[in-house]
Amino acid sequence: MRKELLIIFGRRFLGKKRRLHAPSLALIGVCVALVCLFIAVERGMIPTLIAISESRATAIANEAIRQAISLHVDSLLQDKKLLDFHAGPGGELMYVQTNTSDLNQIQAEALAILQETIKHLEGFEVRIPLGQALGSKILASKGPRIKVTMFPYGSVNVQVMDSFEVTGINQIKYSLYLRAIYTLQVVIPLISSKTHVSMDVPLATVLIPGKVPDTYLMFPYEIR
């Protein structure tokens, strides 16, 4: 008799279905909507936040490099001859030749200076307003600040580069400069990214004049 009562009671108990009331359903719906909204905002904010962080970090690092080179430019160029000028029979400038030995020394000294400069940027922090990270123009300076930390990644690479540019009738501008190439790691809470940066620091510029022709014609269309 007891077994039969237990079986009947158990069937009735298991057969009952719990019904969710309207307030419970509304609360669940609000929670789901908030989660979806948070995911959507996060996905839209992360690319903008990374782009702003990389841009800010690059600007700070470039300014540090520019100041370091400006501070040591006298010692870098002291007692060094960057270019050799060769003139023709009439005294006109024929061509310019780089002094490889002195340029290699400048490159080595600049590498040591910039390596130390980038090293000092380790752990440097910048803070970006949440409104700016969300891409809002009105609230760009509003909201809590998101901390962004910079870390140098790898070593600095310094190269001596040159370029030619036509600036007039038979005139060429020859430029000599240092190119600093380095990588920065930008760390945001739970996010990190690497950005490759290249910066040029001018060393010398020479205008090489050529012989100007007696007549110079310019046509508004291409001659074939």
N, C-alpha and C. Protein backbone atom coordinates (compact mmCIF):
# COMPACT_ATOMS: atom_id res chain seq x y z
N MET A 1 0.83 -1.21 0.00
CA MET A 1 0.00 0.00 0.00
C MET A 1 0.87 1.26 0.00
N ARG A 2 1.93 1.21 0.83
CA ARG A 2 2.82 2.37 0.89
C ARG A 2 3.54 2.57 -0.43
N LYS A 3 3.96 1.45 -1.05
CA LYS A 3 4.66 1.54 -2.33
C LYS A 3 3.77 2.16 -3.39
N GLU A 4 2.48 1.76 -3.40
CA GLU A 4 1.56 2.30 -4.40
C GLU A 4 1.36 3.80 -4.20
N LEU A 5 1.25 4.24 -2.92
CA LEU A 5 1.09 5.67 -2.65
C LEU A 5 2.31 6.47 -3.08
N LEU A 6 3.50 5.89 -2.83
CA LEU A 6 4.74 6.58 -3.22
C LEU A 6 4.83 6.70 -4.73
N ILE A 7 4.44 5.65 -5.43
CA ILE A 7 4.50 5.68 -6.90
C ILE A 7 3.54 6.72 -7.44
N ILE A 8 2.31 6.75 -6.90
CA ILE A 8 1.31 7.71 -7.37
C ILE A 8 1.75 9.14 -7.05
N PHE A 9 2.28 9.34 -5.84
CA PHE A 9 2.73 10.68 -5.44
C PHE A 9 3.90 11.14 -6.29
N GLY A 10 4.81 10.20 -6.56
CA GLY A 10 5.97 10.54 -7.39
C GLY A 10 5.55 10.89 -8.80
N ARG A 11 4.61 10.17 -9.37
CA ARG A 11 4.14 10.48 -10.72
C ARG A 11 3.49 11.85 -10.76
N ARG A 12 2.70 12.16 -9.75
CA ARG A 12 2.05 13.47 -9.73
C ARG A 12 3.08 14.60 -9.59
N PHE A 13 4.11 14.32 -8.74
CA PHE A 13 5.12 15.36 -8.51
C PHE A 13 5.95 15.62 -9.77
N LEU A 14 6.34 14.52 -10.44
CA LEU A 14 7.13 14.67 -11.66
C LEU A 14 6.30 15.19 -12.80
N GLY A 15 5.02 14.93 -12.76
CA GLY A 15 4.17 15.36 -13.86
C GLY A 15 3.85 16.83 -13.84
N LYS A 16 4.14 17.51 -12.73
CA LYS A 16 3.86 18.94 -12.65
C LYS A 16 4.92 19.72 -13.40
N LYS A 17 4.55 20.69 -14.17
CA LYS A 17 5.46 21.57 -14.90
C LYS A 17 5.45 22.95 -14.27
N ARG A 18 6.69 23.43 -14.08
CA ARG A 18 6.82 24.77 -13.52
C ARG A 18 6.58 25.81 -14.60
N ARG A 19 5.76 26.74 -14.32
CA ARG A 19 5.47 27.81 -15.27
C ARG A 19 6.19 29.09 -14.83
N LEU A 20 6.86 29.71 -15.81
CA LEU A 20 7.55 30.97 -15.54
C LEU A 20 6.55 32.11 -15.59
N HIS A 21 6.61 32.96 -14.60
CA HIS A 21 5.72 34.12 -14.56
C HIS A 21 6.24 35.20 -15.49
N ALA A 22 5.39 36.15 -15.80
CA ALA A 22 5.75 37.23 -16.72
C ALA A 22 6.94 38.05 -16.23
N PRO A 23 7.03 38.41 -14.93
CA PRO A 23 8.21 39.15 -14.46
C PRO A 23 9.51 38.40 -14.68
N SER A 24 9.49 37.08 -14.48
CA SER A 24 10.71 36.28 -14.68
C SER A 24 11.12 36.29 -16.14
N LEU A 25 10.15 36.13 -17.04
CA LEU A 25 10.46 36.16 -18.47
C LEU A 25 11.01 37.52 -18.88
N ALA A 26 10.44 38.58 -18.32
CA ALA A 26 10.92 39.93 -18.65
C ALA A 26 12.35 40.13 -18.17
N LEU A 27 12.65 39.61 -16.96
CA LEU A 27 14.01 39.75 -16.42
C LEU A 27 15.02 38.99 -17.27
N ILE A 28 14.66 37.80 -17.70
CA ILE A 28 15.55 37.02 -18.56
C ILE A 28 15.77 37.73 -19.89
N GLY A 29 14.69 38.29 -20.44
CA GLY A 29 14.82 39.02 -21.70
C GLY A 29 15.72 40.23 -21.59
N VAL A 30 15.60 40.95 -20.47
CA VAL A 30 16.46 42.12 -20.25
C VAL A 30 17.92 41.70 -20.13
N CYS A 31 18.17 40.61 -19.41
CA CYS A 31 19.55 40.13 -19.25
C CYS A 31 20.16 39.72 -20.59
N VAL A 32 19.37 39.00 -21.39
CA VAL A 32 19.86 38.58 -22.71
C VAL A 32 20.13 39.79 -23.59
N ALA A 33 19.23 40.78 -23.54
CA ALA A 33 19.42 41.99 -24.34
C ALA A 33 20.67 42.75 -23.92
N LEU A 34 20.92 42.83 -22.60
CA LEU A 34 22.11 43.52 -22.11
C LEU A 34 23.38 42.81 -22.53
N VAL A 35 23.36 41.48 -22.49
CA VAL A 35 24.54 40.72 -22.92
C VAL A 35 24.80 40.93 -24.40
N CYS A 36 23.75 40.89 -25.21
CA CYS A 36 23.91 41.11 -26.66
C CYS A 36 24.41 42.53 -26.94
N LEU A 37 23.88 43.51 -26.19
CA LEU A 37 24.32 44.89 -26.37
C LEU A 37 25.79 45.04 -25.99
N PHE A 38 26.20 44.41 -24.90
CA PHE A 38 27.59 44.49 -24.47
C PHE A 38 28.52 43.87 -25.51
N ILE A 39 28.13 42.72 -26.07
CA ILE A 39 28.96 42.07 -27.09
C ILE A 39 29.07 42.94 -28.33
N ALA A 40 27.94 43.54 -28.74
CA ALA A 40 27.95 44.39 -29.94
C ALA A 40 28.83 45.63 -29.74
N VAL A 41 28.70 46.25 -28.55
CA VAL A 41 29.53 47.44 -28.27
C VAL A 41 31.00 47.06 -28.20
N GLU A 42 31.30 45.93 -27.59
CA GLU A 42 32.69 45.50 -27.46
C GLU A 42 33.30 45.22 -28.83
N ARG A 43 32.56 44.53 -29.69
CA ARG A 43 33.08 44.22 -31.02
C ARG A 43 33.28 45.48 -31.85
N GLY A 44 32.41 46.46 -31.68
CA GLY A 44 32.57 47.70 -32.42
C GLY A 44 33.63 48.61 -31.84
N MET A 45 33.89 48.47 -30.53
CA MET A 45 34.83 49.36 -29.86
C MET A 45 36.27 48.90 -30.00
N ILE A 46 36.51 47.59 -30.00
CA ILE A 46 37.88 47.08 -29.98
C ILE A 46 38.70 47.54 -31.17
N PRO A 47 38.22 47.42 -32.43
CA PRO A 47 39.05 47.91 -33.55
C PRO A 47 39.37 49.39 -33.45
N THR A 48 38.39 50.21 -33.05
CA THR A 48 38.64 51.65 -32.89
C THR A 48 39.64 51.91 -31.78
N LEU A 49 39.51 51.20 -30.68
CA LEU A 49 40.42 51.38 -29.55
C LEU A 49 41.84 50.99 -29.92
N ILE A 50 41.99 49.90 -30.66
CA ILE A 50 43.33 49.47 -31.08
C ILE A 50 43.94 50.49 -32.04
N ALA A 51 43.14 50.99 -32.99
CA ALA A 51 43.65 51.97 -33.95
C ALA A 51 44.09 53.25 -33.24
N ILE A 52 43.28 53.74 -32.30
CA ILE A 52 43.64 54.95 -31.56
C ILE A 52 44.88 54.72 -30.72
N SER A 53 44.97 53.56 -30.08
CA SER A 53 46.12 53.26 -29.23
C SER A 53 47.40 53.18 -30.04
N GLU A 54 47.35 52.51 -31.20
CA GLU A 54 48.53 52.41 -32.05
C GLU A 54 48.95 53.77 -32.57
N SER A 55 47.98 54.59 -32.96
CA SER A 55 48.30 55.94 -33.45
C SER A 55 48.93 56.79 -32.36
N ARG A 56 48.37 56.73 -31.15
CA ARG A 56 48.92 57.51 -30.04
C ARG A 56 50.32 57.02 -29.66
N ALA A 57 50.51 55.72 -29.63
CA ALA A 57 51.82 55.16 -29.28
C ALA A 57 52.87 55.51 -30.33
N THR A 58 52.49 55.45 -31.60
CA THR A 58 53.42 55.80 -32.68
C THR A 58 53.84 57.26 -32.59
N ALA A 59 52.89 58.14 -32.33
CA ALA A 59 53.20 59.57 -32.23
C ALA A 59 54.16 59.84 -31.07
N ILE A 60 53.93 59.19 -29.94
CA ILE A 60 54.80 59.40 -28.78
C ILE A 60 56.20 58.87 -29.05
N ALA A 61 56.30 57.69 -29.65
CA ALA A 61 57.61 57.11 -29.94
C ALA A 61 58.36 57.93 -30.98
N ASN A 62 57.68 58.39 -32.02
CA ASN A 62 58.33 59.21 -33.04
C ASN A 62 58.85 60.52 -32.46
N GLU A 63 58.07 61.12 -31.58
CA GLU A 63 58.51 62.37 -30.95
C GLU A 63 59.74 62.13 -30.07
N ALA A 64 59.75 61.00 -29.37
CA ALA A 64 60.92 60.67 -28.54
C ALA A 64 62.16 60.47 -29.40
N ILE A 65 62.01 59.80 -30.54
CA ILE A 65 63.14 59.60 -31.45
C ILE A 65 63.60 60.92 -32.03
N ARG A 66 62.67 61.76 -32.43
CA ARG A 66 63.02 63.06 -33.02
C ARG A 66 63.80 63.91 -32.00
N GLN A 67 63.36 63.92 -30.77
CA GLN A 67 64.06 64.69 -29.74
C GLN A 67 65.44 64.11 -29.44
N ALA A 68 65.55 62.79 -29.45
CA ALA A 68 66.85 62.16 -29.18
C ALA A 68 67.86 62.50 -30.27
N ILE A 69 67.43 62.44 -31.54
CA ILE A 69 68.33 62.77 -32.64
C ILE A 69 68.70 64.25 -32.60
N SER A 70 67.74 65.11 -32.32
CA SER A 70 68.02 66.55 -32.25
C SER A 70 69.01 66.87 -31.13
N LEU A 71 68.91 66.13 -30.03
CA LEU A 71 69.79 66.36 -28.89
C LEU A 71 71.22 65.92 -29.17
N HIS A 72 71.38 64.87 -29.99
CA HIS A 72 72.71 64.31 -30.25
C HIS A 72 73.20 64.56 -31.67
N VAL A 73 72.52 65.43 -32.41
CA VAL A 73 72.89 65.62 -33.81
C VAL A 73 74.29 66.20 -33.94
N ASP A 74 74.68 67.08 -33.02
CA ASP A 74 76.02 67.67 -33.10
C ASP A 74 77.11 66.62 -32.91
N SER A 75 76.91 65.74 -31.93
CA SER A 75 77.91 64.69 -31.69
C SER A 75 77.90 63.65 -32.80
N LEU A 76 76.74 63.42 -33.41
CA LEU A 76 76.67 62.45 -34.51
C LEU A 76 77.44 62.94 -35.73
N LEU A 77 77.35 64.23 -36.02
CA LEU A 77 77.95 64.77 -37.24
C LEU A 77 79.33 65.39 -37.00
N GLN A 78 79.77 65.45 -35.76
CA GLN A 78 81.04 66.11 -35.46
C GLN A 78 82.21 65.34 -36.09
N ASP A 79 83.10 66.09 -36.77
CA ASP A 79 84.31 65.53 -37.40
C ASP A 79 83.98 64.44 -38.41
N LYS A 80 82.82 64.53 -39.02
CA LYS A 80 82.44 63.54 -40.03
C LYS A 80 82.10 64.25 -41.33
N LYS A 81 82.47 63.62 -42.40
CA LYS A 81 82.20 64.15 -43.73
C LYS A 81 81.23 63.21 -44.43
N LEU A 82 80.02 63.69 -44.63
CA LEU A 82 78.99 62.82 -45.19
C LEU A 82 79.14 62.64 -46.69
N LEU A 83 79.48 63.72 -47.39
CA LEU A 83 79.47 63.70 -48.85
C LEU A 83 80.78 64.26 -49.39
N ASP A 84 81.18 63.73 -50.53
CA ASP A 84 82.31 64.25 -51.30
C ASP A 84 81.77 64.83 -52.60
N PHE A 85 82.13 66.09 -52.88
CA PHE A 85 81.65 66.78 -54.07
C PHE A 85 82.74 66.77 -55.14
N HIS A 86 82.35 66.39 -56.34
CA HIS A 86 83.28 66.32 -57.46
C HIS A 86 82.83 67.30 -58.53
N ALA A 87 83.74 68.19 -58.89
CA ALA A 87 83.44 69.24 -59.88
C ALA A 87 84.09 68.91 -61.22
N GLY A 88 83.53 69.50 -62.26
CA GLY A 88 84.05 69.32 -63.61
C GLY A 88 85.15 70.32 -63.93
N PRO A 89 85.63 70.31 -65.16
CA PRO A 89 86.71 71.23 -65.56
C PRO A 89 86.33 72.69 -65.40
N GLY A 90 85.08 73.02 -65.58
CA GLY A 90 84.65 74.41 -65.46
C GLY A 90 84.23 74.80 -64.06
N GLY A 91 84.40 73.93 -63.10
CA GLY A 91 84.03 74.22 -61.72
C GLY A 91 82.60 73.85 -61.38
N GLU A 92 81.84 73.36 -62.35
CA GLU A 92 80.46 72.97 -62.08
C GLU A 92 80.42 71.63 -61.35
N LEU A 93 79.42 71.47 -60.52
CA LEU A 93 79.27 70.24 -59.76
C LEU A 93 78.83 69.11 -60.69
N MET A 94 79.63 68.04 -60.70
CA MET A 94 79.33 66.91 -61.59
C MET A 94 78.53 65.82 -60.86
N TYR A 95 79.02 65.40 -59.71
CA TYR A 95 78.31 64.36 -58.96
C TYR A 95 78.72 64.42 -57.49
N VAL A 96 77.92 63.74 -56.68
CA VAL A 96 78.14 63.69 -55.23
C VAL A 96 78.35 62.24 -54.83
N GLN A 97 79.33 62.00 -53.98
CA GLN A 97 79.65 60.65 -53.54
C GLN A 97 79.56 60.58 -52.02
N THR A 98 78.92 59.55 -51.51
CA THR A 98 78.78 59.40 -50.05
C THR A 98 80.06 58.85 -49.44
N ASN A 99 80.32 59.28 -48.23
CA ASN A 99 81.48 58.80 -47.47
C ASN A 99 81.02 57.62 -46.62
N THR A 100 81.27 56.41 -47.10
CA THR A 100 80.73 55.21 -46.47
C THR A 100 81.24 55.01 -45.05
N SER A 101 82.50 55.29 -44.82
CA SER A 101 83.09 55.06 -43.50
C SER A 101 82.42 55.91 -42.43
N ASP A 102 82.27 57.20 -42.69
CA ASP A 102 81.64 58.08 -41.71
C ASP A 102 80.15 57.78 -41.55
N LEU A 103 79.49 57.41 -42.64
CA LEU A 103 78.07 57.08 -42.56
C LEU A 103 77.83 55.82 -41.73
N ASN A 104 78.72 54.85 -41.85
CA ASN A 104 78.60 53.64 -41.02
C ASN A 104 78.78 53.96 -39.54
N GLN A 105 79.68 54.89 -39.24
CA GLN A 105 79.87 55.30 -37.85
C GLN A 105 78.64 56.03 -37.32
N ILE A 106 78.06 56.90 -38.14
CA ILE A 106 76.84 57.60 -37.74
C ILE A 106 75.71 56.61 -37.51
N GLN A 107 75.60 55.63 -38.38
CA GLN A 107 74.56 54.61 -38.24
C GLN A 107 74.70 53.85 -36.92
N ALA A 108 75.93 53.46 -36.58
CA ALA A 108 76.16 52.71 -35.34
C ALA A 108 75.85 53.57 -34.11
N GLU A 109 76.27 54.84 -34.12
CA GLU A 109 76.01 55.72 -32.98
C GLU A 109 74.52 56.02 -32.85
N ALA A 110 73.85 56.24 -33.97
CA ALA A 110 72.41 56.51 -33.94
C ALA A 110 71.64 55.29 -33.44
N LEU A 111 72.10 54.09 -33.82
CA LEU A 111 71.44 52.87 -33.37
C LEU A 111 71.49 52.76 -31.85
N ALA A 112 72.65 53.05 -31.26
CA ALA A 112 72.79 52.98 -29.80
C ALA A 112 71.90 54.02 -29.11
N ILE A 113 71.83 55.22 -29.68
CA ILE A 113 71.01 56.28 -29.10
C ILE A 113 69.52 55.92 -29.15
N LEU A 114 69.07 55.45 -30.31
CA LEU A 114 67.65 55.15 -30.47
C LEU A 114 67.24 53.90 -29.70
N GLN A 115 68.15 52.94 -29.59
CA GLN A 115 67.84 51.74 -28.81
C GLN A 115 67.60 52.11 -27.35
N GLU A 116 68.40 53.02 -26.82
CA GLU A 116 68.22 53.48 -25.44
C GLU A 116 66.94 54.32 -25.31
N THR A 117 66.63 55.10 -26.35
CA THR A 117 65.42 55.93 -26.32
C THR A 117 64.16 55.07 -26.29
N ILE A 118 64.11 54.07 -27.15
CA ILE A 118 62.95 53.17 -27.19
C ILE A 118 62.83 52.37 -25.90
N LYS A 119 63.97 52.03 -25.32
CA LYS A 119 63.95 51.26 -24.07
C LYS A 119 63.26 52.04 -22.96
N HIS A 120 63.44 53.36 -22.94
CA HIS A 120 62.82 54.18 -21.90
C HIS A 120 61.30 54.28 -22.06
N LEU A 121 60.78 53.88 -23.21
CA LEU A 121 59.33 53.92 -23.42
C LEU A 121 58.62 52.71 -22.83
N GLU A 122 59.38 51.74 -22.34
CA GLU A 122 58.76 50.53 -21.80
C GLU A 122 57.90 50.86 -20.59
N GLY A 123 56.65 50.44 -20.64
CA GLY A 123 55.73 50.70 -19.54
C GLY A 123 55.09 52.07 -19.57
N PHE A 124 55.37 52.86 -20.63
CA PHE A 124 54.77 54.19 -20.73
C PHE A 124 53.26 54.05 -20.93
N GLU A 125 52.49 54.84 -20.19
CA GLU A 125 51.03 54.71 -20.22
C GLU A 125 50.37 55.94 -20.82
N VAL A 126 49.34 55.69 -21.60
CA VAL A 126 48.45 56.75 -22.07
C VAL A 126 47.03 56.31 -21.74
N ARG A 127 46.15 57.27 -21.58
CA ARG A 127 44.76 56.96 -21.22
C ARG A 127 43.82 57.57 -22.26
N ILE A 128 42.93 56.73 -22.75
CA ILE A 128 42.01 57.12 -23.82
C ILE A 128 40.59 57.16 -23.26
N PRO A 129 39.86 58.27 -23.44
CA PRO A 129 38.47 58.34 -22.95
C PRO A 129 37.59 57.30 -23.64
N LEU A 130 36.64 56.77 -22.90
CA LEU A 130 35.74 55.76 -23.44
C LEU A 130 34.94 56.31 -24.61
N GLY A 131 34.53 57.58 -24.53
CA GLY A 131 33.77 58.18 -25.63
C GLY A 131 34.55 58.19 -26.93
N GLN A 132 35.85 58.45 -26.85
CA GLN A 132 36.68 58.42 -28.05
C GLN A 132 36.83 57.01 -28.58
N ALA A 133 36.96 56.04 -27.69
CA ALA A 133 37.06 54.64 -28.11
C ALA A 133 35.79 54.16 -28.79
N LEU A 134 34.65 54.71 -28.39
CA LEU A 134 33.38 54.34 -29.01
C LEU A 134 33.15 55.05 -30.34
N GLY A 135 34.03 55.97 -30.69
CA GLY A 135 33.92 56.68 -31.96
C GLY A 135 32.94 57.83 -31.94
N SER A 136 32.59 58.31 -30.75
CA SER A 136 31.64 59.41 -30.64
C SER A 136 32.37 60.74 -30.74
N LYS A 137 31.88 61.62 -31.60
CA LYS A 137 32.49 62.94 -31.74
C LYS A 137 32.05 63.88 -30.62
N ILE A 138 30.82 63.72 -30.18
CA ILE A 138 30.30 64.59 -29.12
C ILE A 138 30.89 64.20 -27.77
N LEU A 139 31.02 62.90 -27.51
CA LEU A 139 31.50 62.42 -26.22
C LEU A 139 32.95 61.96 -26.29
N ALA A 140 33.74 62.54 -27.20
CA ALA A 140 35.11 62.07 -27.42
C ALA A 140 35.99 62.23 -26.18
N SER A 141 35.71 63.23 -25.37
CA SER A 141 36.54 63.48 -24.18
C SER A 141 35.84 63.06 -22.89
N LYS A 142 34.73 62.32 -23.02
CA LYS A 142 33.94 61.95 -21.85
C LYS A 142 34.14 60.47 -21.53
N GLY A 143 33.70 60.12 -20.32
CA GLY A 143 33.72 58.73 -19.91
C GLY A 143 35.00 58.35 -19.20
N PRO A 144 35.00 57.16 -18.61
CA PRO A 144 36.21 56.69 -17.91
C PRO A 144 37.38 56.51 -18.88
N ARG A 145 38.59 56.63 -18.36
CA ARG A 145 39.79 56.53 -19.17
C ARG A 145 40.27 55.08 -19.23
N ILE A 146 40.55 54.62 -20.44
CA ILE A 146 41.07 53.27 -20.64
C ILE A 146 42.59 53.34 -20.70
N LYS A 147 43.25 52.58 -19.85
CA LYS A 147 44.71 52.62 -19.78
C LYS A 147 45.34 51.80 -20.90
N VAL A 148 46.28 52.40 -21.59
CA VAL A 148 47.02 51.73 -22.67
C VAL A 148 48.50 51.79 -22.32
N THR A 149 49.17 50.66 -22.35
CA THR A 149 50.58 50.58 -21.98
C THR A 149 51.41 50.21 -23.20
N MET A 150 52.56 50.88 -23.35
CA MET A 150 53.44 50.65 -24.49
C MET A 150 54.65 49.81 -24.06
N PHE A 151 55.04 48.88 -24.95
CA PHE A 151 56.24 48.08 -24.73
C PHE A 151 56.99 47.94 -26.05
N PRO A 152 58.30 48.24 -26.06
CA PRO A 152 59.08 47.98 -27.28
C PRO A 152 59.12 46.47 -27.55
N TYR A 153 59.05 46.11 -28.82
CA TYR A 153 59.06 44.70 -29.20
C TYR A 153 60.24 44.49 -30.15
N GLY A 154 61.23 43.75 -29.69
CA GLY A 154 62.42 43.56 -30.52
C GLY A 154 63.36 44.75 -30.41
N SER A 155 64.23 44.88 -31.39
CA SER A 155 65.24 45.95 -31.38
C SER A 155 64.97 46.94 -32.51
N VAL A 156 65.65 48.08 -32.41
CA VAL A 156 65.52 49.11 -33.43
C VAL A 156 66.48 48.81 -34.57
N ASN A 157 66.03 49.04 -35.78
CA ASN A 157 66.86 48.88 -36.96
C ASN A 157 67.06 50.25 -37.59
N VAL A 158 68.32 50.67 -37.76
CA VAL A 158 68.64 51.97 -38.33
C VAL A 158 69.36 51.77 -39.66
N GLN A 159 68.88 52.43 -40.70
CA GLN A 159 69.47 52.34 -42.03
C GLN A 159 69.78 53.73 -42.56
N VAL A 160 70.87 53.84 -43.31
CA VAL A 160 71.19 55.09 -44.00
C VAL A 160 70.57 55.01 -45.39
N MET A 161 69.70 55.96 -45.70
CA MET A 161 68.98 55.96 -46.97
C MET A 161 69.28 57.24 -47.73
N ASP A 162 69.06 57.20 -49.03
CA ASP A 162 69.18 58.41 -49.85
C ASP A 162 68.10 58.40 -50.91
N SER A 163 67.86 59.57 -51.48
CA SER A 163 66.82 59.69 -52.50
C SER A 163 67.16 60.84 -53.44
N PHE A 164 66.66 60.73 -54.67
CA PHE A 164 66.82 61.78 -55.68
C PHE A 164 65.44 62.30 -56.06
N GLU A 165 65.36 63.60 -56.24
CA GLU A 165 64.09 64.22 -56.63
C GLU A 165 64.35 65.35 -57.61
N VAL A 166 63.66 65.31 -58.73
CA VAL A 166 63.78 66.37 -59.73
C VAL A 166 63.00 67.58 -59.24
N THR A 167 63.68 68.72 -59.12
CA THR A 167 63.04 69.92 -58.57
C THR A 167 62.91 71.06 -59.57
N GLY A 168 63.48 70.94 -60.72
CA GLY A 168 63.41 72.01 -61.72
C GLY A 168 64.00 71.55 -63.03
N ILE A 169 64.34 72.52 -63.86
CA ILE A 169 64.93 72.19 -65.16
C ILE A 169 66.36 71.73 -64.94
N ASN A 170 66.59 70.44 -65.14
CA ASN A 170 67.92 69.84 -64.97
C ASN A 170 68.49 70.10 -63.57
N GLN A 171 67.63 70.07 -62.58
CA GLN A 171 68.07 70.20 -61.20
C GLN A 171 67.58 69.00 -60.40
N ILE A 172 68.46 68.47 -59.57
CA ILE A 172 68.14 67.29 -58.78
C ILE A 172 68.44 67.58 -57.31
N LYS A 173 67.50 67.23 -56.46
CA LYS A 173 67.72 67.36 -55.01
C LYS A 173 68.10 66.00 -54.46
N TYR A 174 69.28 65.94 -53.88
CA TYR A 174 69.78 64.69 -53.30
C TYR A 174 69.65 64.78 -51.78
N SER A 175 68.95 63.82 -51.19
CA SER A 175 68.71 63.82 -49.74
C SER A 175 69.33 62.59 -49.11
N LEU A 176 69.92 62.80 -47.95
CA LEU A 176 70.52 61.72 -47.17
C LEU A 176 69.86 61.72 -45.80
N TYR A 177 69.38 60.56 -45.35
CA TYR A 177 68.64 60.52 -44.09
C TYR A 177 68.79 59.16 -43.42
N LEU A 178 68.47 59.15 -42.15
CA LEU A 178 68.43 57.92 -41.37
C LEU A 178 67.00 57.42 -41.29
N ARG A 179 66.82 56.13 -41.46
CA ARG A 179 65.49 55.52 -41.32
C ARG A 179 65.51 54.58 -40.12
N ALA A 180 64.68 54.90 -39.15
CA ALA A 180 64.55 54.07 -37.95
C ALA A 180 63.31 53.20 -38.08
N ILE A 181 63.48 51.90 -37.93
CA ILE A 181 62.38 50.94 -38.04
C ILE A 181 62.30 50.16 -36.72
N TYR A 182 61.13 50.15 -36.13
CA TYR A 182 60.98 49.46 -34.85
C TYR A 182 59.54 48.98 -34.71
N THR A 183 59.32 48.16 -33.69
CA THR A 183 57.99 47.59 -33.44
C THR A 183 57.59 47.90 -32.00
N LEU A 184 56.35 48.34 -31.85
CA LEU A 184 55.79 48.62 -30.53
C LEU A 184 54.65 47.65 -30.24
N GLN A 185 54.58 47.20 -29.01
CA GLN A 185 53.45 46.39 -28.57
C GLN A 185 52.55 47.25 -27.69
N VAL A 186 51.31 47.35 -28.08
CA VAL A 186 50.33 48.14 -27.34
C VAL A 186 49.46 47.19 -26.54
N VAL A 187 49.42 47.38 -25.24
CA VAL A 187 48.69 46.48 -24.35
C VAL A 187 47.51 47.24 -23.73
N ILE A 188 46.32 46.74 -24.02
CA ILE A 188 45.08 47.24 -23.43
C ILE A 188 44.55 46.10 -22.55
N PRO A 189 43.79 46.39 -21.49
CA PRO A 189 43.26 45.28 -20.68
C PRO A 189 42.61 44.19 -21.52
N LEU A 190 43.18 42.99 -21.45
CA LEU A 190 42.72 41.78 -22.15
C LEU A 190 42.98 41.82 -23.66
N ILE A 191 43.65 42.85 -24.16
CA ILE A 191 43.92 42.97 -25.60
C ILE A 191 45.36 43.44 -25.78
N SER A 192 46.01 42.96 -26.83
CA SER A 192 47.34 43.46 -27.18
C SER A 192 47.49 43.41 -28.69
N SER A 193 48.29 44.32 -29.21
CA SER A 193 48.55 44.36 -30.65
C SER A 193 49.94 44.92 -30.88
N LYS A 194 50.49 44.62 -32.05
CA LYS A 194 51.82 45.10 -32.43
C LYS A 194 51.69 46.02 -33.63
N THR A 195 52.44 47.09 -33.62
CA THR A 195 52.45 48.03 -34.73
C THR A 195 53.88 48.28 -35.16
N HIS A 196 54.11 48.24 -36.47
CA HIS A 196 55.44 48.47 -37.04
C HIS A 196 55.54 49.93 -37.46
N VAL A 197 56.61 50.58 -37.04
CA VAL A 197 56.77 52.01 -37.24
C VAL A 197 58.06 52.27 -38.00
N SER A 198 57.99 53.20 -38.95
CA SER A 198 59.16 53.63 -39.70
C SER A 198 59.21 55.15 -39.68
N MET A 199 60.39 55.69 -39.37
CA MET A 199 60.54 57.14 -39.26
C MET A 199 61.84 57.56 -39.91
N ASP A 200 61.80 58.65 -40.68
CA ASP A 200 62.97 59.18 -41.37
C ASP A 200 63.48 60.43 -40.67
N VAL A 201 64.81 60.48 -40.47
CA VAL A 201 65.46 61.64 -39.86
C VAL A 201 66.46 62.20 -40.87
N PRO A 202 66.24 63.40 -41.40
CA PRO A 202 67.13 63.94 -42.44
C PRO A 202 68.52 64.27 -41.88
N LEU A 203 69.54 64.00 -42.71
CA LEU A 203 70.92 64.33 -42.36
C LEU A 203 71.48 65.44 -43.23
N ALA A 204 71.25 65.35 -44.54
CA ALA A 204 71.81 66.36 -45.45
C ALA A 204 70.96 66.40 -46.71
N THR A 205 70.92 67.58 -47.31
CA THR A 205 70.22 67.79 -48.58
C THR A 205 71.09 68.65 -49.49
N VAL A 206 71.27 68.20 -50.72
CA VAL A 206 72.12 68.90 -51.68
C VAL A 206 71.33 69.11 -52.96
N LEU A 207 71.39 70.30 -53.50
CA LEU A 207 70.77 70.61 -54.79
C LEU A 207 71.86 70.55 -55.86
N ILE A 208 71.72 69.62 -56.78
CA ILE A 208 72.71 69.42 -57.85
C ILE A 208 72.18 70.09 -59.11
N PRO A 209 72.77 71.22 -59.51
CA PRO A 209 72.28 71.90 -60.71
C PRO A 209 72.89 71.28 -61.97
N GLY A 210 72.12 71.28 -63.01
CA GLY A 210 72.60 70.83 -64.31
C GLY A 210 72.63 71.98 -65.29
N LYS A 211 73.03 71.69 -66.47
CA LYS A 211 73.09 72.72 -67.50
C LYS A 211 71.68 73.03 -67.99
N VAL A 212 71.32 74.30 -67.93
CA VAL A 212 69.98 74.72 -68.34
C VAL A 212 69.98 74.97 -69.84
N PRO A 213 69.07 74.36 -70.59
CA PRO A 213 69.02 74.58 -72.04
C PRO A 213 68.57 75.99 -72.38
N ASP A 214 68.92 76.43 -73.58
CA ASP A 214 68.53 77.77 -74.03
C ASP A 214 67.02 77.88 -74.22
N THR A 215 66.40 76.80 -74.63
CA THR A 215 64.95 76.81 -74.88
C THR A 215 64.30 75.66 -74.13
N TYR A 216 63.16 75.96 -73.54
CA TYR A 216 62.43 74.95 -72.80
C TYR A 216 60.96 75.05 -73.19
N LEU A 217 60.42 73.96 -73.69
CA LEU A 217 59.03 73.93 -74.15
C LEU A 217 58.22 73.03 -73.23
N MET A 218 57.02 73.46 -72.92
CA MET A 218 56.10 72.66 -72.11
C MET A 218 54.77 72.56 -72.85
N PHE A 219 54.34 71.33 -73.10
CA PHE A 219 53.10 71.09 -73.82
C PHE A 219 52.03 70.62 -72.84
N PRO A 220 50.79 71.05 -73.05
CA PRO A 220 49.71 70.64 -72.14
C PRO A 220 49.24 69.21 -72.38
N TYR A 221 49.85 68.53 -73.35
CA TYR A 221 49.44 67.17 -73.66
C TYR A 221 50.70 66.36 -73.93
N GLU A 222 50.53 65.05 -73.90
CA GLU A 222 51.66 64.15 -74.10
C GLU A 222 51.98 64.04 -75.59
N ILE A 223 53.28 64.13 -75.91
CA ILE A 223 53.73 64.01 -77.31
C ILE A 223 54.11 62.57 -77.58
N ARG A 224 53.54 62.03 -78.65
CA ARG A 224 53.83 60.64 -79.03
C ARG A 224 54.55 60.60 -80.37
